[in-house]
Amino acid sequence: KERQSMLFADRTSCHDSRANKFRLPLSSFSYVLLETLRRTALKGTKREKAQCSTLRTKLLKVAAVVKESVRRILFELPTSFPYREVWELVTRRLGGVSSCSSD
């Protein structure tokens, strides 16, 4: 139910049937990614049992500047981002950087 309603698995708005058939695996893949994020990176936090839509709006839909170099990718988060500590915890647990820059 969560995959269907919050990750738009039921949307078949394309005219091409191949595009509509491709949407279901994409939706399933995004659900697996968010479920893995909950189980691993958010374990022991208040967001551990959050719904997919909550994780999407509070952790993934972030206005950030992304800078790439040869060795790393740097995310510059806004200074007023309210979920900064959770975002940094997730990146550390997933093997990312220890802290993020601010603008």
PDB file of N, CA and C in Angstrom:
ATOM      1  N   LYS A   1       0.838  -1.194   0.000  1.00  0.00           N
ATOM      2  CA  LYS A   1       0.000   0.000   0.000  1.00  0.00           C
ATOM      3  C   LYS A   1       0.876   1.248   0.000  1.00  0.00           C
ATOM      4  N   GLU A   2       1.941   1.233   0.806  1.00  0.00           N
ATOM      5  CA  GLU A   2       2.821   2.397   0.886  1.00  0.00           C
ATOM      6  C   GLU A   2       3.493   2.663  -0.460  1.00  0.00           C
ATOM      7  N   ARG A   3       3.933   1.608  -1.119  1.00  0.00           N
ATOM      8  CA  ARG A   3       4.576   1.757  -2.426  1.00  0.00           C
ATOM      9  C   ARG A   3       3.595   2.308  -3.438  1.00  0.00           C
ATOM     10  N   GLN A   4       2.367   1.832  -3.401  1.00  0.00           N
ATOM     11  CA  GLN A   4       1.385   2.255  -4.384  1.00  0.00           C
ATOM     12  C   GLN A   4       0.946   3.698  -4.179  1.00  0.00           C
ATOM     13  N   SER A   5       0.654   4.080  -2.947  1.00  0.00           N
ATOM     14  CA  SER A   5       0.099   5.413  -2.716  1.00  0.00           C
ATOM     15  C   SER A   5       1.145   6.504  -2.561  1.00  0.00           C
ATOM     16  N   MET A   6       2.302   6.190  -1.995  1.00  0.00           N
ATOM     17  CA  MET A   6       3.284   7.235  -1.716  1.00  0.00           C
ATOM     18  C   MET A   6       4.413   7.312  -2.737  1.00  0.00           C
ATOM     19  N   LEU A   7       4.608   6.242  -3.490  1.00  0.00           N
ATOM     20  CA  LEU A   7       5.668   6.249  -4.499  1.00  0.00           C
ATOM     21  C   LEU A   7       5.101   6.131  -5.903  1.00  0.00           C
ATOM     22  N   PHE A   8       3.816   6.370  -6.030  1.00  0.00           N
ATOM     23  CA  PHE A   8       3.145   6.519  -7.310  1.00  0.00           C
ATOM     24  C   PHE A   8       3.259   5.283  -8.203  1.00  0.00           C
ATOM     25  N   ALA A   9       3.098   4.097  -7.637  1.00  0.00           N
ATOM     26  CA  ALA A   9       3.169   2.868  -8.421  1.00  0.00           C
ATOM     27  C   ALA A   9       1.946   2.691  -9.302  1.00  0.00           C
ATOM     28  N   ASP A  10       0.841   3.333  -8.969  1.00  0.00           N
ATOM     29  CA  ASP A  10      -0.383   3.154  -9.743  1.00  0.00           C
ATOM     30  C   ASP A  10      -0.543   4.156 -10.872  1.00  0.00           C
ATOM     31  N   ARG A  11       0.388   5.062 -11.025  1.00  0.00           N
ATOM     32  CA  ARG A  11       0.263   6.093 -12.044  1.00  0.00           C
ATOM     33  C   ARG A  11       0.643   5.526 -13.415  1.00  0.00           C
ATOM     34  N   THR A  12      -0.292   5.557 -14.333  1.00  0.00           N
ATOM     35  CA  THR A  12      -0.043   5.119 -15.709  1.00  0.00           C
ATOM     36  C   THR A  12      -0.502   6.221 -16.646  1.00  0.00           C
ATOM     37  N   SER A  13       0.136   7.351 -16.559  1.00  0.00           N
ATOM     38  CA  SER A  13      -0.301   8.524 -17.303  1.00  0.00           C
ATOM     39  C   SER A  13       0.368   8.665 -18.669  1.00  0.00           C
ATOM     40  N   CYS A  14       1.315   7.799 -18.983  1.00  0.00           N
ATOM     41  CA  CYS A  14       1.990   7.885 -20.281  1.00  0.00           C
ATOM     42  C   CYS A  14       1.133   7.222 -21.359  1.00  0.00           C
ATOM     43  N   HIS A  15       1.272   7.680 -22.569  1.00  0.00           N
ATOM     44  CA  HIS A  15       0.527   7.101 -23.684  1.00  0.00           C
ATOM     45  C   HIS A  15       1.163   5.807 -24.172  1.00  0.00           C
ATOM     46  N   ASP A  16       2.445   5.663 -23.974  1.00  0.00           N
ATOM     47  CA  ASP A  16       3.164   4.475 -24.420  1.00  0.00           C
ATOM     48  C   ASP A  16       3.091   3.402 -23.339  1.00  0.00           C
ATOM     49  N   SER A  17       2.689   2.205 -23.703  1.00  0.00           N
ATOM     50  CA  SER A  17       2.551   1.140 -22.706  1.00  0.00           C
ATOM     51  C   SER A  17       3.894   0.706 -22.134  1.00  0.00           C
ATOM     52  N   ARG A  18       4.954   0.819 -22.919  1.00  0.00           N
ATOM     53  CA  ARG A  18       6.281   0.459 -22.405  1.00  0.00           C
ATOM     54  C   ARG A  18       6.704   1.388 -21.268  1.00  0.00           C
ATOM     55  N   ALA A  19       6.369   2.651 -21.388  1.00  0.00           N
ATOM     56  CA  ALA A  19       6.699   3.607 -20.327  1.00  0.00           C
ATOM     57  C   ALA A  19       5.927   3.282 -19.051  1.00  0.00           C
ATOM     58  N   ASN A  20       4.666   2.932 -19.204  1.00  0.00           N
ATOM     59  CA  ASN A  20       3.858   2.569 -18.040  1.00  0.00           C
ATOM     60  C   ASN A  20       4.362   1.288 -17.390  1.00  0.00           C
ATOM     61  N   LYS A  21       4.801   0.328 -18.187  1.00  0.00           N
ATOM     62  CA  LYS A  21       5.349  -0.920 -17.642  1.00  0.00           C
ATOM     63  C   LYS A  21       6.657  -0.668 -16.907  1.00  0.00           C
ATOM     64  N   PHE A  22       7.396   0.333 -17.344  1.00  0.00           N
ATOM     65  CA  PHE A  22       8.680   0.653 -16.708  1.00  0.00           C
ATOM     66  C   PHE A  22       8.492   1.362 -15.369  1.00  0.00           C
ATOM     67  N   ARG A  23       7.368   2.022 -15.173  1.00  0.00           N
ATOM     68  CA  ARG A  23       7.120   2.760 -13.929  1.00  0.00           C
ATOM     69  C   ARG A  23       7.017   1.843 -12.714  1.00  0.00           C
ATOM     70  N   LEU A  24       6.423   0.667 -12.878  1.00  0.00           N
ATOM     71  CA  LEU A  24       6.252  -0.243 -11.748  1.00  0.00           C
ATOM     72  C   LEU A  24       7.585  -0.721 -11.177  1.00  0.00           C
ATOM     73  N   PRO A  25       8.542  -1.189 -11.999  1.00  0.00           N
ATOM     74  CA  PRO A  25       9.840  -1.560 -11.411  1.00  0.00           C
ATOM     75  C   PRO A  25      10.566  -0.372 -10.776  1.00  0.00           C
ATOM     76  N   LEU A  26      10.434   0.815 -11.359  1.00  0.00           N
ATOM     77  CA  LEU A  26      11.062   1.997 -10.752  1.00  0.00           C
ATOM     78  C   LEU A  26      10.468   2.292  -9.385  1.00  0.00           C
ATOM     79  N   SER A  27       9.164   2.185  -9.281  1.00  0.00           N
ATOM     80  CA  SER A  27       8.499   2.408  -8.003  1.00  0.00           C
ATOM     81  C   SER A  27       8.927   1.350  -6.982  1.00  0.00           C
ATOM     82  N   SER A  28       9.015   0.105  -7.409  1.00  0.00           N
ATOM     83  CA  SER A  28       9.451  -0.969  -6.514  1.00  0.00           C
ATOM     84  C   SER A  28      10.891  -0.755  -6.062  1.00  0.00           C
ATOM     85  N   PHE A  29      11.740  -0.335  -6.979  1.00  0.00           N
ATOM     86  CA  PHE A  29      13.138  -0.064  -6.648  1.00  0.00           C
ATOM     87  C   PHE A  29      13.252   1.081  -5.641  1.00  0.00           C
ATOM     88  N   SER A  30      12.466   2.132  -5.820  1.00  0.00           N
ATOM     89  CA  SER A  30      12.526   3.251  -4.876  1.00  0.00           C
ATOM     90  C   SER A  30      12.029   2.829  -3.502  1.00  0.00           C
ATOM     91  N   TYR A  31      11.026   1.952  -3.466  1.00  0.00           N
ATOM     92  CA  TYR A  31      10.544   1.466  -2.172  1.00  0.00           C
ATOM     93  C   TYR A  31      11.623   0.650  -1.462  1.00  0.00           C
ATOM     94  N   VAL A  32      12.321  -0.203  -2.208  1.00  0.00           N
ATOM     95  CA  VAL A  32      13.396  -1.010  -1.613  1.00  0.00           C
ATOM     96  C   VAL A  32      14.505  -0.099  -1.094  1.00  0.00           C
ATOM     97  N   LEU A  33      14.845   0.941  -1.834  1.00  0.00           N
ATOM     98  CA  LEU A  33      15.875   1.887  -1.375  1.00  0.00           C
ATOM     99  C   LEU A  33      15.457   2.593  -0.085  1.00  0.00           C
ATOM    100  N   LEU A  34      14.224   3.067  -0.025  1.00  0.00           N
ATOM    101  CA  LEU A  34      13.765   3.755   1.181  1.00  0.00           C
ATOM    102  C   LEU A  34      13.645   2.798   2.364  1.00  0.00           C
ATOM    103  N   GLU A  35      13.228   1.577   2.115  1.00  0.00           N
ATOM    104  CA  GLU A  35      13.148   0.584   3.191  1.00  0.00           C
ATOM    105  C   GLU A  35      14.537   0.249   3.726  1.00  0.00           C
ATOM    106  N   THR A  36      15.513   0.130   2.849  1.00  0.00           N
ATOM    107  CA  THR A  36      16.891  -0.115   3.267  1.00  0.00           C
ATOM    108  C   THR A  36      17.434   1.078   4.053  1.00  0.00           C
ATOM    109  N   LEU A  37      17.099   2.270   3.610  1.00  0.00           N
ATOM    110  CA  LEU A  37      17.500   3.480   4.334  1.00  0.00           C
ATOM    111  C   LEU A  37      16.932   3.475   5.746  1.00  0.00           C
ATOM    112  N   ARG A  38      15.679   3.086   5.886  1.00  0.00           N
ATOM    113  CA  ARG A  38      15.059   3.007   7.220  1.00  0.00           C
ATOM    114  C   ARG A  38      15.749   1.981   8.099  1.00  0.00           C
ATOM    115  N   ARG A  39      15.995   0.791   7.540  1.00  0.00           N
ATOM    116  CA  ARG A  39      16.570  -0.304   8.331  1.00  0.00           C
ATOM    117  C   ARG A  39      18.017  -0.059   8.736  1.00  0.00           C
ATOM    118  N   THR A  40      18.795   0.572   7.885  1.00  0.00           N
ATOM    119  CA  THR A  40      20.227   0.715   8.157  1.00  0.00           C
ATOM    120  C   THR A  40      20.603   2.092   8.685  1.00  0.00           C
ATOM    121  N   ALA A  41      20.367   3.118   7.900  1.00  0.00           N
ATOM    122  CA  ALA A  41      20.863   4.453   8.249  1.00  0.00           C
ATOM    123  C   ALA A  41      20.022   5.166   9.295  1.00  0.00           C
ATOM    124  N   LEU A  42      18.750   4.844   9.388  1.00  0.00           N
ATOM    125  CA  LEU A  42      17.879   5.542  10.343  1.00  0.00           C
ATOM    126  C   LEU A  42      17.585   4.720  11.593  1.00  0.00           C
ATOM    127  N   LYS A  43      18.272   3.617  11.757  1.00  0.00           N
ATOM    128  CA  LYS A  43      18.048   2.758  12.920  1.00  0.00           C
ATOM    129  C   LYS A  43      18.382   3.518  14.204  1.00  0.00           C
ATOM    130  N   GLY A  44      17.451   3.487  15.154  1.00  0.00           N
ATOM    131  CA  GLY A  44      17.664   4.153  16.425  1.00  0.00           C
ATOM    132  C   GLY A  44      17.308   5.627  16.435  1.00  0.00           C
ATOM    133  N   THR A  45      16.738   6.139  15.362  1.00  0.00           N
ATOM    134  CA  THR A  45      16.325   7.542  15.315  1.00  0.00           C
ATOM    135  C   THR A  45      14.800   7.625  15.322  1.00  0.00           C
ATOM    136  N   LYS A  46      14.274   8.845  15.426  1.00  0.00           N
ATOM    137  CA  LYS A  46      12.829   9.038  15.391  1.00  0.00           C
ATOM    138  C   LYS A  46      12.251   8.720  14.023  1.00  0.00           C
ATOM    139  N   ARG A  47      13.053   8.775  12.994  1.00  0.00           N
ATOM    140  CA  ARG A  47      12.598   8.532  11.621  1.00  0.00           C
ATOM    141  C   ARG A  47      12.677   7.063  11.222  1.00  0.00           C
ATOM    142  N   GLU A  48      13.009   6.194  12.168  1.00  0.00           N
ATOM    143  CA  GLU A  48      13.172   4.770  11.859  1.00  0.00           C
ATOM    144  C   GLU A  48      11.888   4.143  11.314  1.00  0.00           C
ATOM    145  N   LYS A  49      10.751   4.586  11.771  1.00  0.00           N
ATOM    146  CA  LYS A  49       9.472   4.017  11.335  1.00  0.00           C
ATOM    147  C   LYS A  49       8.664   5.008  10.499  1.00  0.00           C
ATOM    148  N   ALA A  50       9.336   5.998   9.953  1.00  0.00           N
ATOM    149  CA  ALA A  50       8.644   7.006   9.145  1.00  0.00           C
ATOM    150  C   ALA A  50       8.167   6.412   7.829  1.00  0.00           C
ATOM    151  N   GLN A  51       7.092   6.973   7.315  1.00  0.00           N
ATOM    152  CA  GLN A  51       6.568   6.521   6.038  1.00  0.00           C
ATOM    153  C   GLN A  51       7.441   7.035   4.905  1.00  0.00           C
ATOM    154  N   CYS A  52       7.307   6.396   3.749  1.00  0.00           N
ATOM    155  CA  CYS A  52       8.107   6.776   2.586  1.00  0.00           C
ATOM    156  C   CYS A  52       7.899   8.237   2.200  1.00  0.00           C
ATOM    157  N   SER A  53       6.668   8.707   2.276  1.00  0.00           N
ATOM    158  CA  SER A  53       6.404  10.095   1.897  1.00  0.00           C
ATOM    159  C   SER A  53       7.088  11.072   2.844  1.00  0.00           C
ATOM    160  N   THR A  54       7.159  10.728   4.125  1.00  0.00           N
ATOM    161  CA  THR A  54       7.839  11.580   5.096  1.00  0.00           C
ATOM    162  C   THR A  54       9.336  11.621   4.816  1.00  0.00           C
ATOM    163  N   LEU A  55       9.933  10.477   4.557  1.00  0.00           N
ATOM    164  CA  LEU A  55      11.360  10.442   4.246  1.00  0.00           C
ATOM    165  C   LEU A  55      11.657  11.211   2.965  1.00  0.00           C
ATOM    166  N   ARG A  56      10.788  11.071   1.995  1.00  0.00           N
ATOM    167  CA  ARG A  56      10.995  11.755   0.722  1.00  0.00           C
ATOM    168  C   ARG A  56      10.951  13.266   0.899  1.00  0.00           C
ATOM    169  N   THR A  57       9.986  13.771   1.656  1.00  0.00           N
ATOM    170  CA  THR A  57       9.857  15.222   1.796  1.00  0.00           C
ATOM    171  C   THR A  57      10.859  15.820   2.776  1.00  0.00           C
ATOM    172  N   LYS A  58      11.229  15.088   3.815  1.00  0.00           N
ATOM    173  CA  LYS A  58      12.087  15.680   4.837  1.00  0.00           C
ATOM    174  C   LYS A  58      13.585  15.426   4.620  1.00  0.00           C
ATOM    175  N   LEU A  59      13.948  14.326   3.957  1.00  0.00           N
ATOM    176  CA  LEU A  59      15.366  14.020   3.790  1.00  0.00           C
ATOM    177  C   LEU A  59      15.852  14.061   2.350  1.00  0.00           C
ATOM    178  N   LEU A  60      14.996  13.749   1.400  1.00  0.00           N
ATOM    179  CA  LEU A  60      15.455  13.666   0.023  1.00  0.00           C
ATOM    180  C   LEU A  60      15.158  14.904  -0.799  1.00  0.00           C
ATOM    181  N   LYS A  61      14.088  15.587  -0.517  1.00  0.00           N
ATOM    182  CA  LYS A  61      13.749  16.808  -1.248  1.00  0.00           C
ATOM    183  C   LYS A  61      14.411  17.990  -0.554  1.00  0.00           C
ATOM    184  N   VAL A  62      15.680  18.145  -0.787  1.00  0.00           N
ATOM    185  CA  VAL A  62      16.472  19.163  -0.111  1.00  0.00           C
ATOM    186  C   VAL A  62      17.093  20.071  -1.164  1.00  0.00           C
ATOM    187  N   ALA A  63      16.994  21.363  -0.942  1.00  0.00           N
ATOM    188  CA  ALA A  63      17.654  22.317  -1.822  1.00  0.00           C
ATOM    189  C   ALA A  63      19.116  22.392  -1.409  1.00  0.00           C
ATOM    190  N   ALA A  64      19.969  21.719  -2.155  1.00  0.00           N
ATOM    191  CA  ALA A  64      21.390  21.687  -1.831  1.00  0.00           C
ATOM    192  C   ALA A  64      22.197  21.947  -3.091  1.00  0.00           C
ATOM    193  N   VAL A  65      23.391  22.462  -2.893  1.00  0.00           N
ATOM    194  CA  VAL A  65      24.322  22.639  -4.000  1.00  0.00           C
ATOM    195  C   VAL A  65      25.216  21.407  -4.014  1.00  0.00           C
ATOM    196  N   VAL A  66      25.312  20.768  -5.166  1.00  0.00           N
ATOM    197  CA  VAL A  66      26.129  19.564  -5.296  1.00  0.00           C
ATOM    198  C   VAL A  66      27.374  19.929  -6.092  1.00  0.00           C
ATOM    199  N   LYS A  67      28.530  19.696  -5.489  1.00  0.00           N
ATOM    200  CA  LYS A  67      29.808  19.956  -6.153  1.00  0.00           C
ATOM    201  C   LYS A  67      30.556  18.646  -6.303  1.00  0.00           C
ATOM    202  N   GLU A  68      31.032  18.384  -7.503  1.00  0.00           N
ATOM    203  CA  GLU A  68      31.761  17.153  -7.772  1.00  0.00           C
ATOM    204  C   GLU A  68      33.231  17.461  -8.012  1.00  0.00           C
ATOM    205  N   SER A  69      34.071  16.600  -7.479  1.00  0.00           N
ATOM    206  CA  SER A  69      35.483  16.648  -7.800  1.00  0.00           C
ATOM    207  C   SER A  69      35.895  15.236  -8.195  1.00  0.00           C
ATOM    208  N   VAL A  70      37.161  15.032  -8.414  1.00  0.00           N
ATOM    209  CA  VAL A  70      37.631  13.717  -8.836  1.00  0.00           C
ATOM    210  C   VAL A  70      37.431  12.684  -7.730  1.00  0.00           C
ATOM    211  N   ARG A  71      37.611  13.072  -6.487  1.00  0.00           N
ATOM    212  CA  ARG A  71      37.596  12.118  -5.369  1.00  0.00           C
ATOM    213  C   ARG A  71      36.330  12.096  -4.540  1.00  0.00           C
ATOM    214  N   ARG A  72      35.491  13.118  -4.631  1.00  0.00           N
ATOM    215  CA  ARG A  72      34.312  13.147  -3.758  1.00  0.00           C
ATOM    216  C   ARG A  72      33.208  14.012  -4.341  1.00  0.00           C
ATOM    217  N   ILE A  73      32.041  13.851  -3.747  1.00  0.00           N
ATOM    218  CA  ILE A  73      30.884  14.683  -4.061  1.00  0.00           C
ATOM    219  C   ILE A  73      30.538  15.440  -2.782  1.00  0.00           C
ATOM    220  N   LEU A  74      30.420  16.745  -2.876  1.00  0.00           N
ATOM    221  CA  LEU A  74      30.161  17.599  -1.723  1.00  0.00           C
ATOM    222  C   LEU A  74      28.755  18.170  -1.822  1.00  0.00           C
ATOM    223  N   PHE A  75      27.975  17.994  -0.771  1.00  0.00           N
ATOM    224  CA  PHE A  75      26.632  18.564  -0.689  1.00  0.00           C
ATOM    225  C   PHE A  75      26.698  19.767   0.243  1.00  0.00           C
ATOM    226  N   GLU A  76      26.339  20.930  -0.257  1.00  0.00           N
ATOM    227  CA  GLU A  76      26.265  22.129   0.565  1.00  0.00           C
ATOM    228  C   GLU A  76      24.805  22.352   0.935  1.00  0.00           C
ATOM    229  N   LEU A  77      24.473  22.060   2.184  1.00  0.00           N
ATOM    230  CA  LEU A  77      23.100  22.197   2.666  1.00  0.00           C
ATOM    231  C   LEU A  77      22.841  23.623   3.114  1.00  0.00           C
ATOM    232  N   PRO A  78      21.599  24.073   3.041  1.00  0.00           N
ATOM    233  CA  PRO A  78      21.277  25.398   3.553  1.00  0.00           C
ATOM    234  C   PRO A  78      21.467  25.452   5.067  1.00  0.00           C
ATOM    235  N   THR A  79      21.828  26.596   5.583  1.00  0.00           N
ATOM    236  CA  THR A  79      22.058  26.727   7.019  1.00  0.00           C
ATOM    237  C   THR A  79      20.759  26.589   7.809  1.00  0.00           C
ATOM    238  N   SER A  80      19.620  26.846   7.167  1.00  0.00           N
ATOM    239  CA  SER A  80      18.339  26.755   7.865  1.00  0.00           C
ATOM    240  C   SER A  80      17.658  25.399   7.694  1.00  0.00           C
ATOM    241  N   PHE A  81      18.351  24.402   7.204  1.00  0.00           N
ATOM    242  CA  PHE A  81      17.763  23.077   6.985  1.00  0.00           C
ATOM    243  C   PHE A  81      17.484  22.412   8.333  1.00  0.00           C
ATOM    244  N   PRO A  82      16.198  22.156   8.676  1.00  0.00           N
ATOM    245  CA  PRO A  82      15.864  21.680  10.016  1.00  0.00           C
ATOM    246  C   PRO A  82      16.282  20.229  10.301  1.00  0.00           C
ATOM    247  N   TYR A  83      16.500  19.421   9.287  1.00  0.00           N
ATOM    248  CA  TYR A  83      16.841  18.015   9.495  1.00  0.00           C
ATOM    249  C   TYR A  83      18.306  17.741   9.178  1.00  0.00           C
ATOM    250  N   ARG A  84      19.134  18.731   9.369  1.00  0.00           N
ATOM    251  CA  ARG A  84      20.563  18.637   9.041  1.00  0.00           C
ATOM    252  C   ARG A  84      21.264  17.524   9.821  1.00  0.00           C
ATOM    253  N   GLU A  85      20.987  17.406  11.112  1.00  0.00           N
ATOM    254  CA  GLU A  85      21.651  16.395  11.934  1.00  0.00           C
ATOM    255  C   GLU A  85      21.297  14.990  11.460  1.00  0.00           C
ATOM    256  N   VAL A  86      20.033  14.767  11.125  1.00  0.00           N
ATOM    257  CA  VAL A  86      19.602  13.450  10.639  1.00  0.00           C
ATOM    258  C   VAL A  86      20.242  13.166   9.283  1.00  0.00           C
ATOM    259  N   TRP A  87      20.290  14.171   8.407  1.00  0.00           N
ATOM    260  CA  TRP A  87      20.882  14.014   7.082  1.00  0.00           C
ATOM    261  C   TRP A  87      22.364  13.659   7.210  1.00  0.00           C
ATOM    262  N   GLU A  88      23.084  14.336   8.099  1.00  0.00           N
ATOM    263  CA  GLU A  88      24.500  14.041   8.301  1.00  0.00           C
ATOM    264  C   GLU A  88      24.700  12.653   8.902  1.00  0.00           C
ATOM    265  N   LEU A  89      23.828  12.255   9.824  1.00  0.00           N
ATOM    266  CA  LEU A  89      23.902  10.915  10.396  1.00  0.00           C
ATOM    267  C   LEU A  89      23.711   9.852   9.317  1.00  0.00           C
ATOM    268  N   VAL A  90      22.750  10.063   8.447  1.00  0.00           N
ATOM    269  CA  VAL A  90      22.494   9.115   7.356  1.00  0.00           C
ATOM    270  C   VAL A  90      23.715   9.012   6.442  1.00  0.00           C
ATOM    271  N   THR A  91      24.308  10.134   6.078  1.00  0.00           N
ATOM    272  CA  THR A  91      25.474  10.079   5.190  1.00  0.00           C
ATOM    273  C   THR A  91      26.658   9.395   5.860  1.00  0.00           C
ATOM    274  N   ARG A  92      26.841   9.625   7.161  1.00  0.00           N
ATOM    275  CA  ARG A  92      27.934   8.935   7.863  1.00  0.00           C
ATOM    276  C   ARG A  92      27.698   7.436   7.905  1.00  0.00           C
ATOM    277  N   ARG A  93      26.466   7.029   8.204  1.00  0.00           N
ATOM    278  CA  ARG A  93      26.157   5.601   8.288  1.00  0.00           C
ATOM    279  C   ARG A  93      26.221   4.902   6.939  1.00  0.00           C
ATOM    280  N   LEU A  94      26.006   5.643   5.875  1.00  0.00           N
ATOM    281  CA  LEU A  94      26.096   5.048   4.547  1.00  0.00           C
ATOM    282  C   LEU A  94      27.504   5.120   3.978  1.00  0.00           C
ATOM    283  N   GLY A  95      28.450   5.551   4.778  1.00  0.00           N
ATOM    284  CA  GLY A  95      29.843   5.593   4.335  1.00  0.00           C
ATOM    285  C   GLY A  95      30.230   6.896   3.674  1.00  0.00           C
ATOM    286  N   GLY A  96      29.471   7.938   3.922  1.00  0.00           N
ATOM    287  CA  GLY A  96      29.758   9.235   3.323  1.00  0.00           C
ATOM    288  C   GLY A  96      30.680  10.063   4.187  1.00  0.00           C
ATOM    289  N   VAL A  97      30.665  11.328   3.963  1.00  0.00           N
ATOM    290  CA  VAL A  97      31.526  12.268   4.675  1.00  0.00           C
ATOM    291  C   VAL A  97      31.064  12.439   6.111  1.00  0.00           C
ATOM    292  N   SER A  98      31.943  12.940   6.929  1.00  0.00           N
ATOM    293  CA  SER A  98      31.603  13.105   8.342  1.00  0.00           C
ATOM    294  C   SER A  98      30.814  14.367   8.627  1.00  0.00           C
ATOM    295  N   SER A  99      30.929  15.366   7.784  1.00  0.00           N
ATOM    296  CA  SER A  99      30.144  16.576   7.967  1.00  0.00           C
ATOM    297  C   SER A  99      29.884  17.210   6.617  1.00  0.00           C
ATOM    298  N   CYS A 100      28.889  18.062   6.565  1.00  0.00           N
ATOM    299  CA  CYS A 100      28.495  18.725   5.315  1.00  0.00           C
ATOM    300  C   CYS A 100      28.767  20.206   5.434  1.00  0.00           C
ATOM    301  N   SER A 101      29.045  20.814   4.306  1.00  0.00           N
ATOM    302  CA  SER A 101      29.271  22.256   4.269  1.00  0.00           C
ATOM    303  C   SER A 101      27.955  22.987   4.286  1.00  0.00           C
ATOM    304  N   SER A 102      27.992  24.236   4.664  1.00  0.00           N
ATOM    305  CA  SER A 102      26.805  25.092   4.582  1.00  0.00           C
ATOM    306  C   SER A 102      27.141  26.286   3.722  1.00  0.00           C
ATOM    307  N   ASP A 103      26.071  26.933   3.200  1.00  0.00           N
ATOM    308  CA  ASP A 103      26.331  28.084   2.332  1.00  0.00           C
ATOM    309  C   ASP A 103      26.367  29.376   3.057  1.00  0.00           C
TER     310      ASP A 103
END
